Amino acid sequence: MLHEGKTRLIEFGRFAALSRQRRGERRPETFAFLGFTHYCGRTRDGRFIVKHKTEGKRLTRKLTALRQEAWRLMHESLTTQHEWFAAVLRGHYGYYGRPLIQRSTASTAKCVGRGCAV
């Protein structure tokens, strides 16, 4: 049985943008699945592509946890801190590092490096 609050039918795909534009509506809807927000996009030569970006809620939750852990490791040696941050970033890149999502993963590394407030 499908959960009513989590399941919905959306217009998505190659022709969704065109049909919504003809009706005077905005861009096709996005949906979140497996930690990514999926949305309709176009390649540089105009072909349809499903684009992905890290889901906002999940990224915020992870950066908050990283900040708390960084405070815990504050008085450890730099070698220990570096090893831990490197392992965290390797894991993040391993899961979220996909083609066409470089901007998101690069901004995560920048946030980790300078200690972004979330």
N, C-alpha and C. Protein backbone atom coordinates (compact mmCIF):
# COMPACT_ATOMS: atom_id res chain seq x y z
N MET A 1 0.85 -1.18 0.00
CA MET A 1 0.00 0.00 0.00
C MET A 1 0.90 1.25 0.00
N LEU A 2 0.53 2.23 -0.78
CA LEU A 2 1.31 3.46 -0.91
C LEU A 2 0.91 4.46 0.16
N HIS A 3 1.88 5.18 0.69
CA HIS A 3 1.64 6.19 1.70
C HIS A 3 1.14 7.46 1.02
N GLU A 4 -0.03 7.95 1.41
CA GLU A 4 -0.66 9.10 0.75
C GLU A 4 0.19 10.37 0.85
N GLY A 5 0.86 10.58 1.98
CA GLY A 5 1.64 11.79 2.16
C GLY A 5 2.97 11.77 1.41
N LYS A 6 3.44 10.58 1.04
CA LYS A 6 4.74 10.47 0.39
C LYS A 6 4.65 10.17 -1.10
N THR A 7 3.49 9.84 -1.58
CA THR A 7 3.33 9.43 -2.97
C THR A 7 2.45 10.42 -3.71
N ARG A 8 2.94 10.86 -4.85
CA ARG A 8 2.15 11.77 -5.69
C ARG A 8 2.55 11.55 -7.13
N LEU A 9 1.68 11.93 -8.02
CA LEU A 9 1.93 11.81 -9.44
C LEU A 9 2.32 13.19 -9.95
N ILE A 10 3.50 13.30 -10.54
CA ILE A 10 3.95 14.59 -11.04
C ILE A 10 4.21 14.49 -12.54
N GLU A 11 4.13 15.63 -13.20
CA GLU A 11 4.45 15.69 -14.62
C GLU A 11 5.96 15.92 -14.73
N PHE A 12 6.67 14.95 -15.27
CA PHE A 12 8.12 15.01 -15.30
C PHE A 12 8.60 14.30 -16.55
N GLY A 13 9.61 14.81 -17.16
CA GLY A 13 10.17 14.14 -18.32
C GLY A 13 10.46 15.08 -19.46
N ARG A 14 10.75 14.50 -20.61
CA ARG A 14 11.22 15.26 -21.76
C ARG A 14 10.22 16.29 -22.26
N PHE A 15 8.96 15.96 -22.24
CA PHE A 15 7.96 16.87 -22.79
C PHE A 15 7.21 17.65 -21.71
N ALA A 16 7.53 17.44 -20.47
CA ALA A 16 6.81 18.11 -19.38
C ALA A 16 6.98 19.61 -19.44
N ALA A 17 8.19 20.10 -19.69
CA ALA A 17 8.44 21.54 -19.71
C ALA A 17 7.66 22.21 -20.83
N LEU A 18 7.63 21.57 -22.00
CA LEU A 18 6.91 22.16 -23.14
C LEU A 18 5.41 22.21 -22.89
N SER A 19 4.86 21.12 -22.39
CA SER A 19 3.41 21.10 -22.16
C SER A 19 3.01 22.06 -21.04
N ARG A 20 3.85 22.20 -20.01
CA ARG A 20 3.54 23.14 -18.93
C ARG A 20 3.67 24.58 -19.42
N GLN A 21 4.64 24.84 -20.30
CA GLN A 21 4.80 26.18 -20.84
C GLN A 21 3.60 26.57 -21.70
N ARG A 22 3.09 25.63 -22.48
CA ARG A 22 1.90 25.90 -23.30
C ARG A 22 0.68 26.24 -22.44
N ARG A 23 0.59 25.60 -21.26
CA ARG A 23 -0.53 25.88 -20.37
C ARG A 23 -0.30 27.11 -19.51
N GLY A 24 0.87 27.73 -19.62
CA GLY A 24 1.17 28.93 -18.85
C GLY A 24 1.63 28.65 -17.43
N GLU A 25 2.10 27.43 -17.19
CA GLU A 25 2.57 27.07 -15.86
C GLU A 25 4.09 27.17 -15.79
N ARG A 26 4.63 27.07 -14.59
CA ARG A 26 6.07 27.18 -14.38
C ARG A 26 6.78 25.89 -14.77
N ARG A 27 8.05 25.78 -14.40
CA ARG A 27 8.86 24.60 -14.71
C ARG A 27 8.25 23.33 -14.13
N PRO A 28 8.65 22.16 -14.65
CA PRO A 28 8.17 20.90 -14.07
C PRO A 28 8.62 20.77 -12.62
N GLU A 29 7.84 20.04 -11.86
CA GLU A 29 8.13 19.85 -10.44
C GLU A 29 9.41 19.04 -10.24
N THR A 30 9.96 19.14 -9.05
CA THR A 30 11.12 18.34 -8.67
C THR A 30 10.66 17.26 -7.69
N PHE A 31 11.51 16.26 -7.49
CA PHE A 31 11.20 15.27 -6.47
C PHE A 31 12.50 14.81 -5.81
N ALA A 32 12.39 14.41 -4.57
CA ALA A 32 13.55 13.95 -3.80
C ALA A 32 13.51 12.44 -3.72
N PHE A 33 14.67 11.83 -3.98
CA PHE A 33 14.78 10.37 -3.94
C PHE A 33 16.23 10.01 -3.66
N LEU A 34 16.47 9.18 -2.67
CA LEU A 34 17.80 8.68 -2.30
C LEU A 34 18.81 9.79 -2.01
N GLY A 35 18.35 10.87 -1.40
CA GLY A 35 19.26 11.94 -1.01
C GLY A 35 19.53 12.97 -2.08
N PHE A 36 18.91 12.82 -3.25
CA PHE A 36 19.08 13.76 -4.34
C PHE A 36 17.75 14.42 -4.66
N THR A 37 17.80 15.68 -5.10
CA THR A 37 16.64 16.33 -5.67
C THR A 37 16.80 16.21 -7.19
N HIS A 38 15.83 15.60 -7.84
CA HIS A 38 15.88 15.38 -9.28
C HIS A 38 15.03 16.45 -9.95
N TYR A 39 15.55 17.03 -11.02
CA TYR A 39 14.81 18.06 -11.75
C TYR A 39 15.13 17.98 -13.24
N CYS A 40 14.26 18.55 -14.05
CA CYS A 40 14.43 18.54 -15.50
C CYS A 40 15.42 19.61 -15.91
N GLY A 41 16.27 19.30 -16.85
CA GLY A 41 17.23 20.27 -17.34
C GLY A 41 17.55 20.02 -18.80
N ARG A 42 18.43 20.84 -19.33
CA ARG A 42 18.86 20.73 -20.72
C ARG A 42 20.38 20.69 -20.77
N THR A 43 20.92 19.95 -21.73
CA THR A 43 22.35 19.96 -21.95
C THR A 43 22.70 21.23 -22.71
N ARG A 44 23.99 21.45 -22.93
CA ARG A 44 24.41 22.66 -23.65
C ARG A 44 23.89 22.69 -25.08
N ASP A 45 23.70 21.52 -25.67
CA ASP A 45 23.17 21.50 -27.04
C ASP A 45 21.66 21.35 -27.09
N GLY A 46 20.98 21.50 -25.93
CA GLY A 46 19.52 21.58 -25.90
C GLY A 46 18.78 20.28 -25.69
N ARG A 47 19.47 19.18 -25.46
CA ARG A 47 18.78 17.92 -25.23
C ARG A 47 18.31 17.82 -23.79
N PHE A 48 17.25 17.03 -23.55
CA PHE A 48 16.70 16.83 -22.21
C PHE A 48 17.65 15.99 -21.38
N ILE A 49 17.74 16.33 -20.08
CA ILE A 49 18.53 15.54 -19.14
C ILE A 49 17.90 15.67 -17.75
N VAL A 50 17.93 14.58 -16.99
CA VAL A 50 17.50 14.63 -15.60
C VAL A 50 18.71 15.08 -14.79
N LYS A 51 18.59 16.20 -14.11
CA LYS A 51 19.70 16.71 -13.30
C LYS A 51 19.45 16.37 -11.84
N HIS A 52 20.55 16.34 -11.07
CA HIS A 52 20.48 15.97 -9.66
C HIS A 52 21.24 17.00 -8.85
N LYS A 53 20.76 17.24 -7.65
CA LYS A 53 21.55 18.00 -6.69
C LYS A 53 21.28 17.40 -5.32
N THR A 54 22.20 17.64 -4.40
CA THR A 54 22.05 17.08 -3.07
C THR A 54 20.81 17.66 -2.42
N GLU A 55 20.02 16.81 -1.80
CA GLU A 55 18.80 17.26 -1.14
C GLU A 55 19.14 18.23 -0.02
N GLY A 56 18.48 19.37 0.00
CA GLY A 56 18.80 20.45 0.92
C GLY A 56 18.73 20.07 2.39
N LYS A 57 17.66 19.38 2.79
CA LYS A 57 17.50 19.01 4.19
C LYS A 57 18.61 18.07 4.64
N ARG A 58 18.97 17.14 3.77
CA ARG A 58 20.00 16.17 4.12
C ARG A 58 21.37 16.85 4.24
N LEU A 59 21.65 17.79 3.33
CA LEU A 59 22.93 18.50 3.36
C LEU A 59 23.04 19.35 4.63
N THR A 60 21.97 20.05 4.98
CA THR A 60 21.97 20.87 6.19
C THR A 60 22.19 20.02 7.43
N ARG A 61 21.52 18.88 7.49
CA ARG A 61 21.67 17.97 8.63
C ARG A 61 23.11 17.45 8.74
N LYS A 62 23.72 17.12 7.61
CA LYS A 62 25.08 16.60 7.61
C LYS A 62 26.09 17.68 8.01
N LEU A 63 25.92 18.91 7.49
CA LEU A 63 26.85 19.98 7.84
C LEU A 63 26.74 20.35 9.32
N THR A 64 25.54 20.28 9.88
CA THR A 64 25.38 20.54 11.31
C THR A 64 26.10 19.48 12.14
N ALA A 65 25.96 18.22 11.74
CA ALA A 65 26.66 17.14 12.45
C ALA A 65 28.18 17.28 12.30
N LEU A 66 28.63 17.69 11.12
CA LEU A 66 30.07 17.89 10.92
C LEU A 66 30.61 19.00 11.81
N ARG A 67 29.85 20.07 11.92
CA ARG A 67 30.29 21.18 12.77
C ARG A 67 30.40 20.74 14.22
N GLN A 68 29.44 19.96 14.70
CA GLN A 68 29.48 19.48 16.08
C GLN A 68 30.68 18.55 16.30
N GLU A 69 30.94 17.69 15.33
CA GLU A 69 32.08 16.78 15.45
C GLU A 69 33.40 17.55 15.37
N ALA A 70 33.45 18.60 14.57
CA ALA A 70 34.66 19.42 14.47
C ALA A 70 34.96 20.09 15.82
N TRP A 71 33.91 20.52 16.50
CA TRP A 71 34.12 21.10 17.84
C TRP A 71 34.66 20.07 18.81
N ARG A 72 34.19 18.83 18.68
CA ARG A 72 34.67 17.77 19.56
C ARG A 72 36.14 17.47 19.29
N LEU A 73 36.57 17.56 18.03
CA LEU A 73 37.94 17.26 17.65
C LEU A 73 38.87 18.47 17.72
N MET A 74 38.38 19.59 18.22
CA MET A 74 39.13 20.84 18.17
C MET A 74 40.51 20.72 18.84
N HIS A 75 40.62 19.99 19.90
CA HIS A 75 41.88 19.92 20.63
C HIS A 75 42.71 18.69 20.26
N GLU A 76 42.28 17.97 19.26
CA GLU A 76 43.08 16.84 18.75
C GLU A 76 44.18 17.39 17.86
N SER A 77 45.12 16.54 17.51
CA SER A 77 46.22 16.98 16.64
C SER A 77 45.67 17.26 15.24
N LEU A 78 46.40 18.08 14.49
CA LEU A 78 45.98 18.40 13.12
C LEU A 78 45.94 17.16 12.24
N THR A 79 46.84 16.23 12.50
CA THR A 79 46.85 14.99 11.72
C THR A 79 45.55 14.22 11.92
N THR A 80 45.11 14.12 13.15
CA THR A 80 43.85 13.42 13.46
C THR A 80 42.67 14.13 12.81
N GLN A 81 42.64 15.45 12.91
CA GLN A 81 41.54 16.22 12.31
C GLN A 81 41.54 16.04 10.79
N HIS A 82 42.72 16.11 10.18
CA HIS A 82 42.82 15.99 8.73
C HIS A 82 42.35 14.61 8.27
N GLU A 83 42.79 13.57 8.97
CA GLU A 83 42.37 12.22 8.59
C GLU A 83 40.87 12.06 8.67
N TRP A 84 40.26 12.63 9.73
CA TRP A 84 38.82 12.51 9.90
C TRP A 84 38.08 13.27 8.80
N PHE A 85 38.48 14.53 8.54
CA PHE A 85 37.80 15.31 7.50
C PHE A 85 37.99 14.68 6.12
N ALA A 86 39.18 14.16 5.86
CA ALA A 86 39.43 13.51 4.58
C ALA A 86 38.53 12.29 4.39
N ALA A 87 38.34 11.51 5.46
CA ALA A 87 37.47 10.34 5.39
C ALA A 87 36.03 10.76 5.15
N VAL A 88 35.59 11.82 5.82
CA VAL A 88 34.22 12.30 5.65
C VAL A 88 33.99 12.77 4.21
N LEU A 89 34.93 13.54 3.68
CA LEU A 89 34.79 14.03 2.31
C LEU A 89 34.86 12.90 1.28
N ARG A 90 35.72 11.90 1.52
CA ARG A 90 35.77 10.75 0.61
C ARG A 90 34.42 10.04 0.58
N GLY A 91 33.81 9.87 1.74
CA GLY A 91 32.49 9.24 1.79
C GLY A 91 31.44 10.06 1.09
N HIS A 92 31.49 11.38 1.29
CA HIS A 92 30.53 12.27 0.63
C HIS A 92 30.70 12.20 -0.89
N TYR A 93 31.94 12.27 -1.37
CA TYR A 93 32.18 12.20 -2.81
C TYR A 93 31.81 10.82 -3.37
N GLY A 94 32.02 9.78 -2.56
CA GLY A 94 31.68 8.44 -3.02
C GLY A 94 30.19 8.28 -3.27
N TYR A 95 29.36 8.90 -2.43
CA TYR A 95 27.91 8.77 -2.61
C TYR A 95 27.35 9.85 -3.52
N TYR A 96 27.70 11.11 -3.25
CA TYR A 96 27.10 12.23 -3.98
C TYR A 96 27.89 12.65 -5.20
N GLY A 97 29.10 12.16 -5.38
CA GLY A 97 29.93 12.58 -6.51
C GLY A 97 29.48 11.93 -7.79
N ARG A 98 28.63 12.61 -8.52
CA ARG A 98 28.09 12.11 -9.78
C ARG A 98 28.41 13.11 -10.87
N PRO A 99 28.37 12.69 -12.11
CA PRO A 99 28.54 13.66 -13.18
C PRO A 99 27.47 14.74 -13.09
N LEU A 100 27.82 15.95 -13.43
CA LEU A 100 26.92 17.11 -13.45
C LEU A 100 26.50 17.58 -12.06
N ILE A 101 27.17 17.17 -11.01
CA ILE A 101 26.83 17.62 -9.68
C ILE A 101 28.07 18.19 -8.98
N GLN A 102 29.09 18.57 -9.75
CA GLN A 102 30.36 19.02 -9.17
C GLN A 102 30.19 20.27 -8.33
N ARG A 103 29.34 21.21 -8.74
CA ARG A 103 29.19 22.45 -7.98
C ARG A 103 28.74 22.17 -6.56
N SER A 104 27.82 21.26 -6.38
CA SER A 104 27.30 20.94 -5.05
C SER A 104 28.36 20.29 -4.17
N THR A 105 29.09 19.33 -4.72
CA THR A 105 30.11 18.66 -3.91
C THR A 105 31.27 19.60 -3.61
N ALA A 106 31.61 20.48 -4.54
CA ALA A 106 32.69 21.44 -4.29
C ALA A 106 32.29 22.44 -3.20
N SER A 107 31.03 22.87 -3.20
CA SER A 107 30.59 23.81 -2.17
C SER A 107 30.55 23.13 -0.80
N THR A 108 30.27 21.84 -0.75
CA THR A 108 30.31 21.11 0.51
C THR A 108 31.73 21.08 1.06
N ALA A 109 32.71 20.82 0.19
CA ALA A 109 34.10 20.80 0.63
C ALA A 109 34.52 22.18 1.13
N LYS A 110 34.08 23.22 0.45
CA LYS A 110 34.41 24.58 0.87
C LYS A 110 33.79 24.87 2.23
N CYS A 111 32.56 24.44 2.42
CA CYS A 111 31.87 24.65 3.70
C CYS A 111 32.58 23.91 4.83
N VAL A 112 32.99 22.69 4.57
CA VAL A 112 33.70 21.91 5.58
C VAL A 112 35.03 22.57 5.90
N GLY A 113 35.73 23.06 4.87
CA GLY A 113 37.04 23.66 5.07
C GLY A 113 37.01 24.94 5.88
N ARG A 114 35.98 25.77 5.71
CA ARG A 114 35.96 27.04 6.43
C ARG A 114 34.99 27.06 7.60
N GLY A 115 34.26 25.98 7.82
CA GLY A 115 33.36 25.88 8.98
C GLY A 115 32.11 26.71 8.80
N CYS A 116 31.33 26.43 7.77
CA CYS A 116 30.10 27.18 7.51
C CYS A 116 29.11 27.06 8.66
N ALA A 117 28.43 28.13 8.92
CA ALA A 117 27.34 28.09 9.90
C ALA A 117 26.08 27.70 9.16
N VAL A 118 25.41 26.65 9.63
CA VAL A 118 24.19 26.18 8.98
C VAL A 118 23.01 26.50 9.83
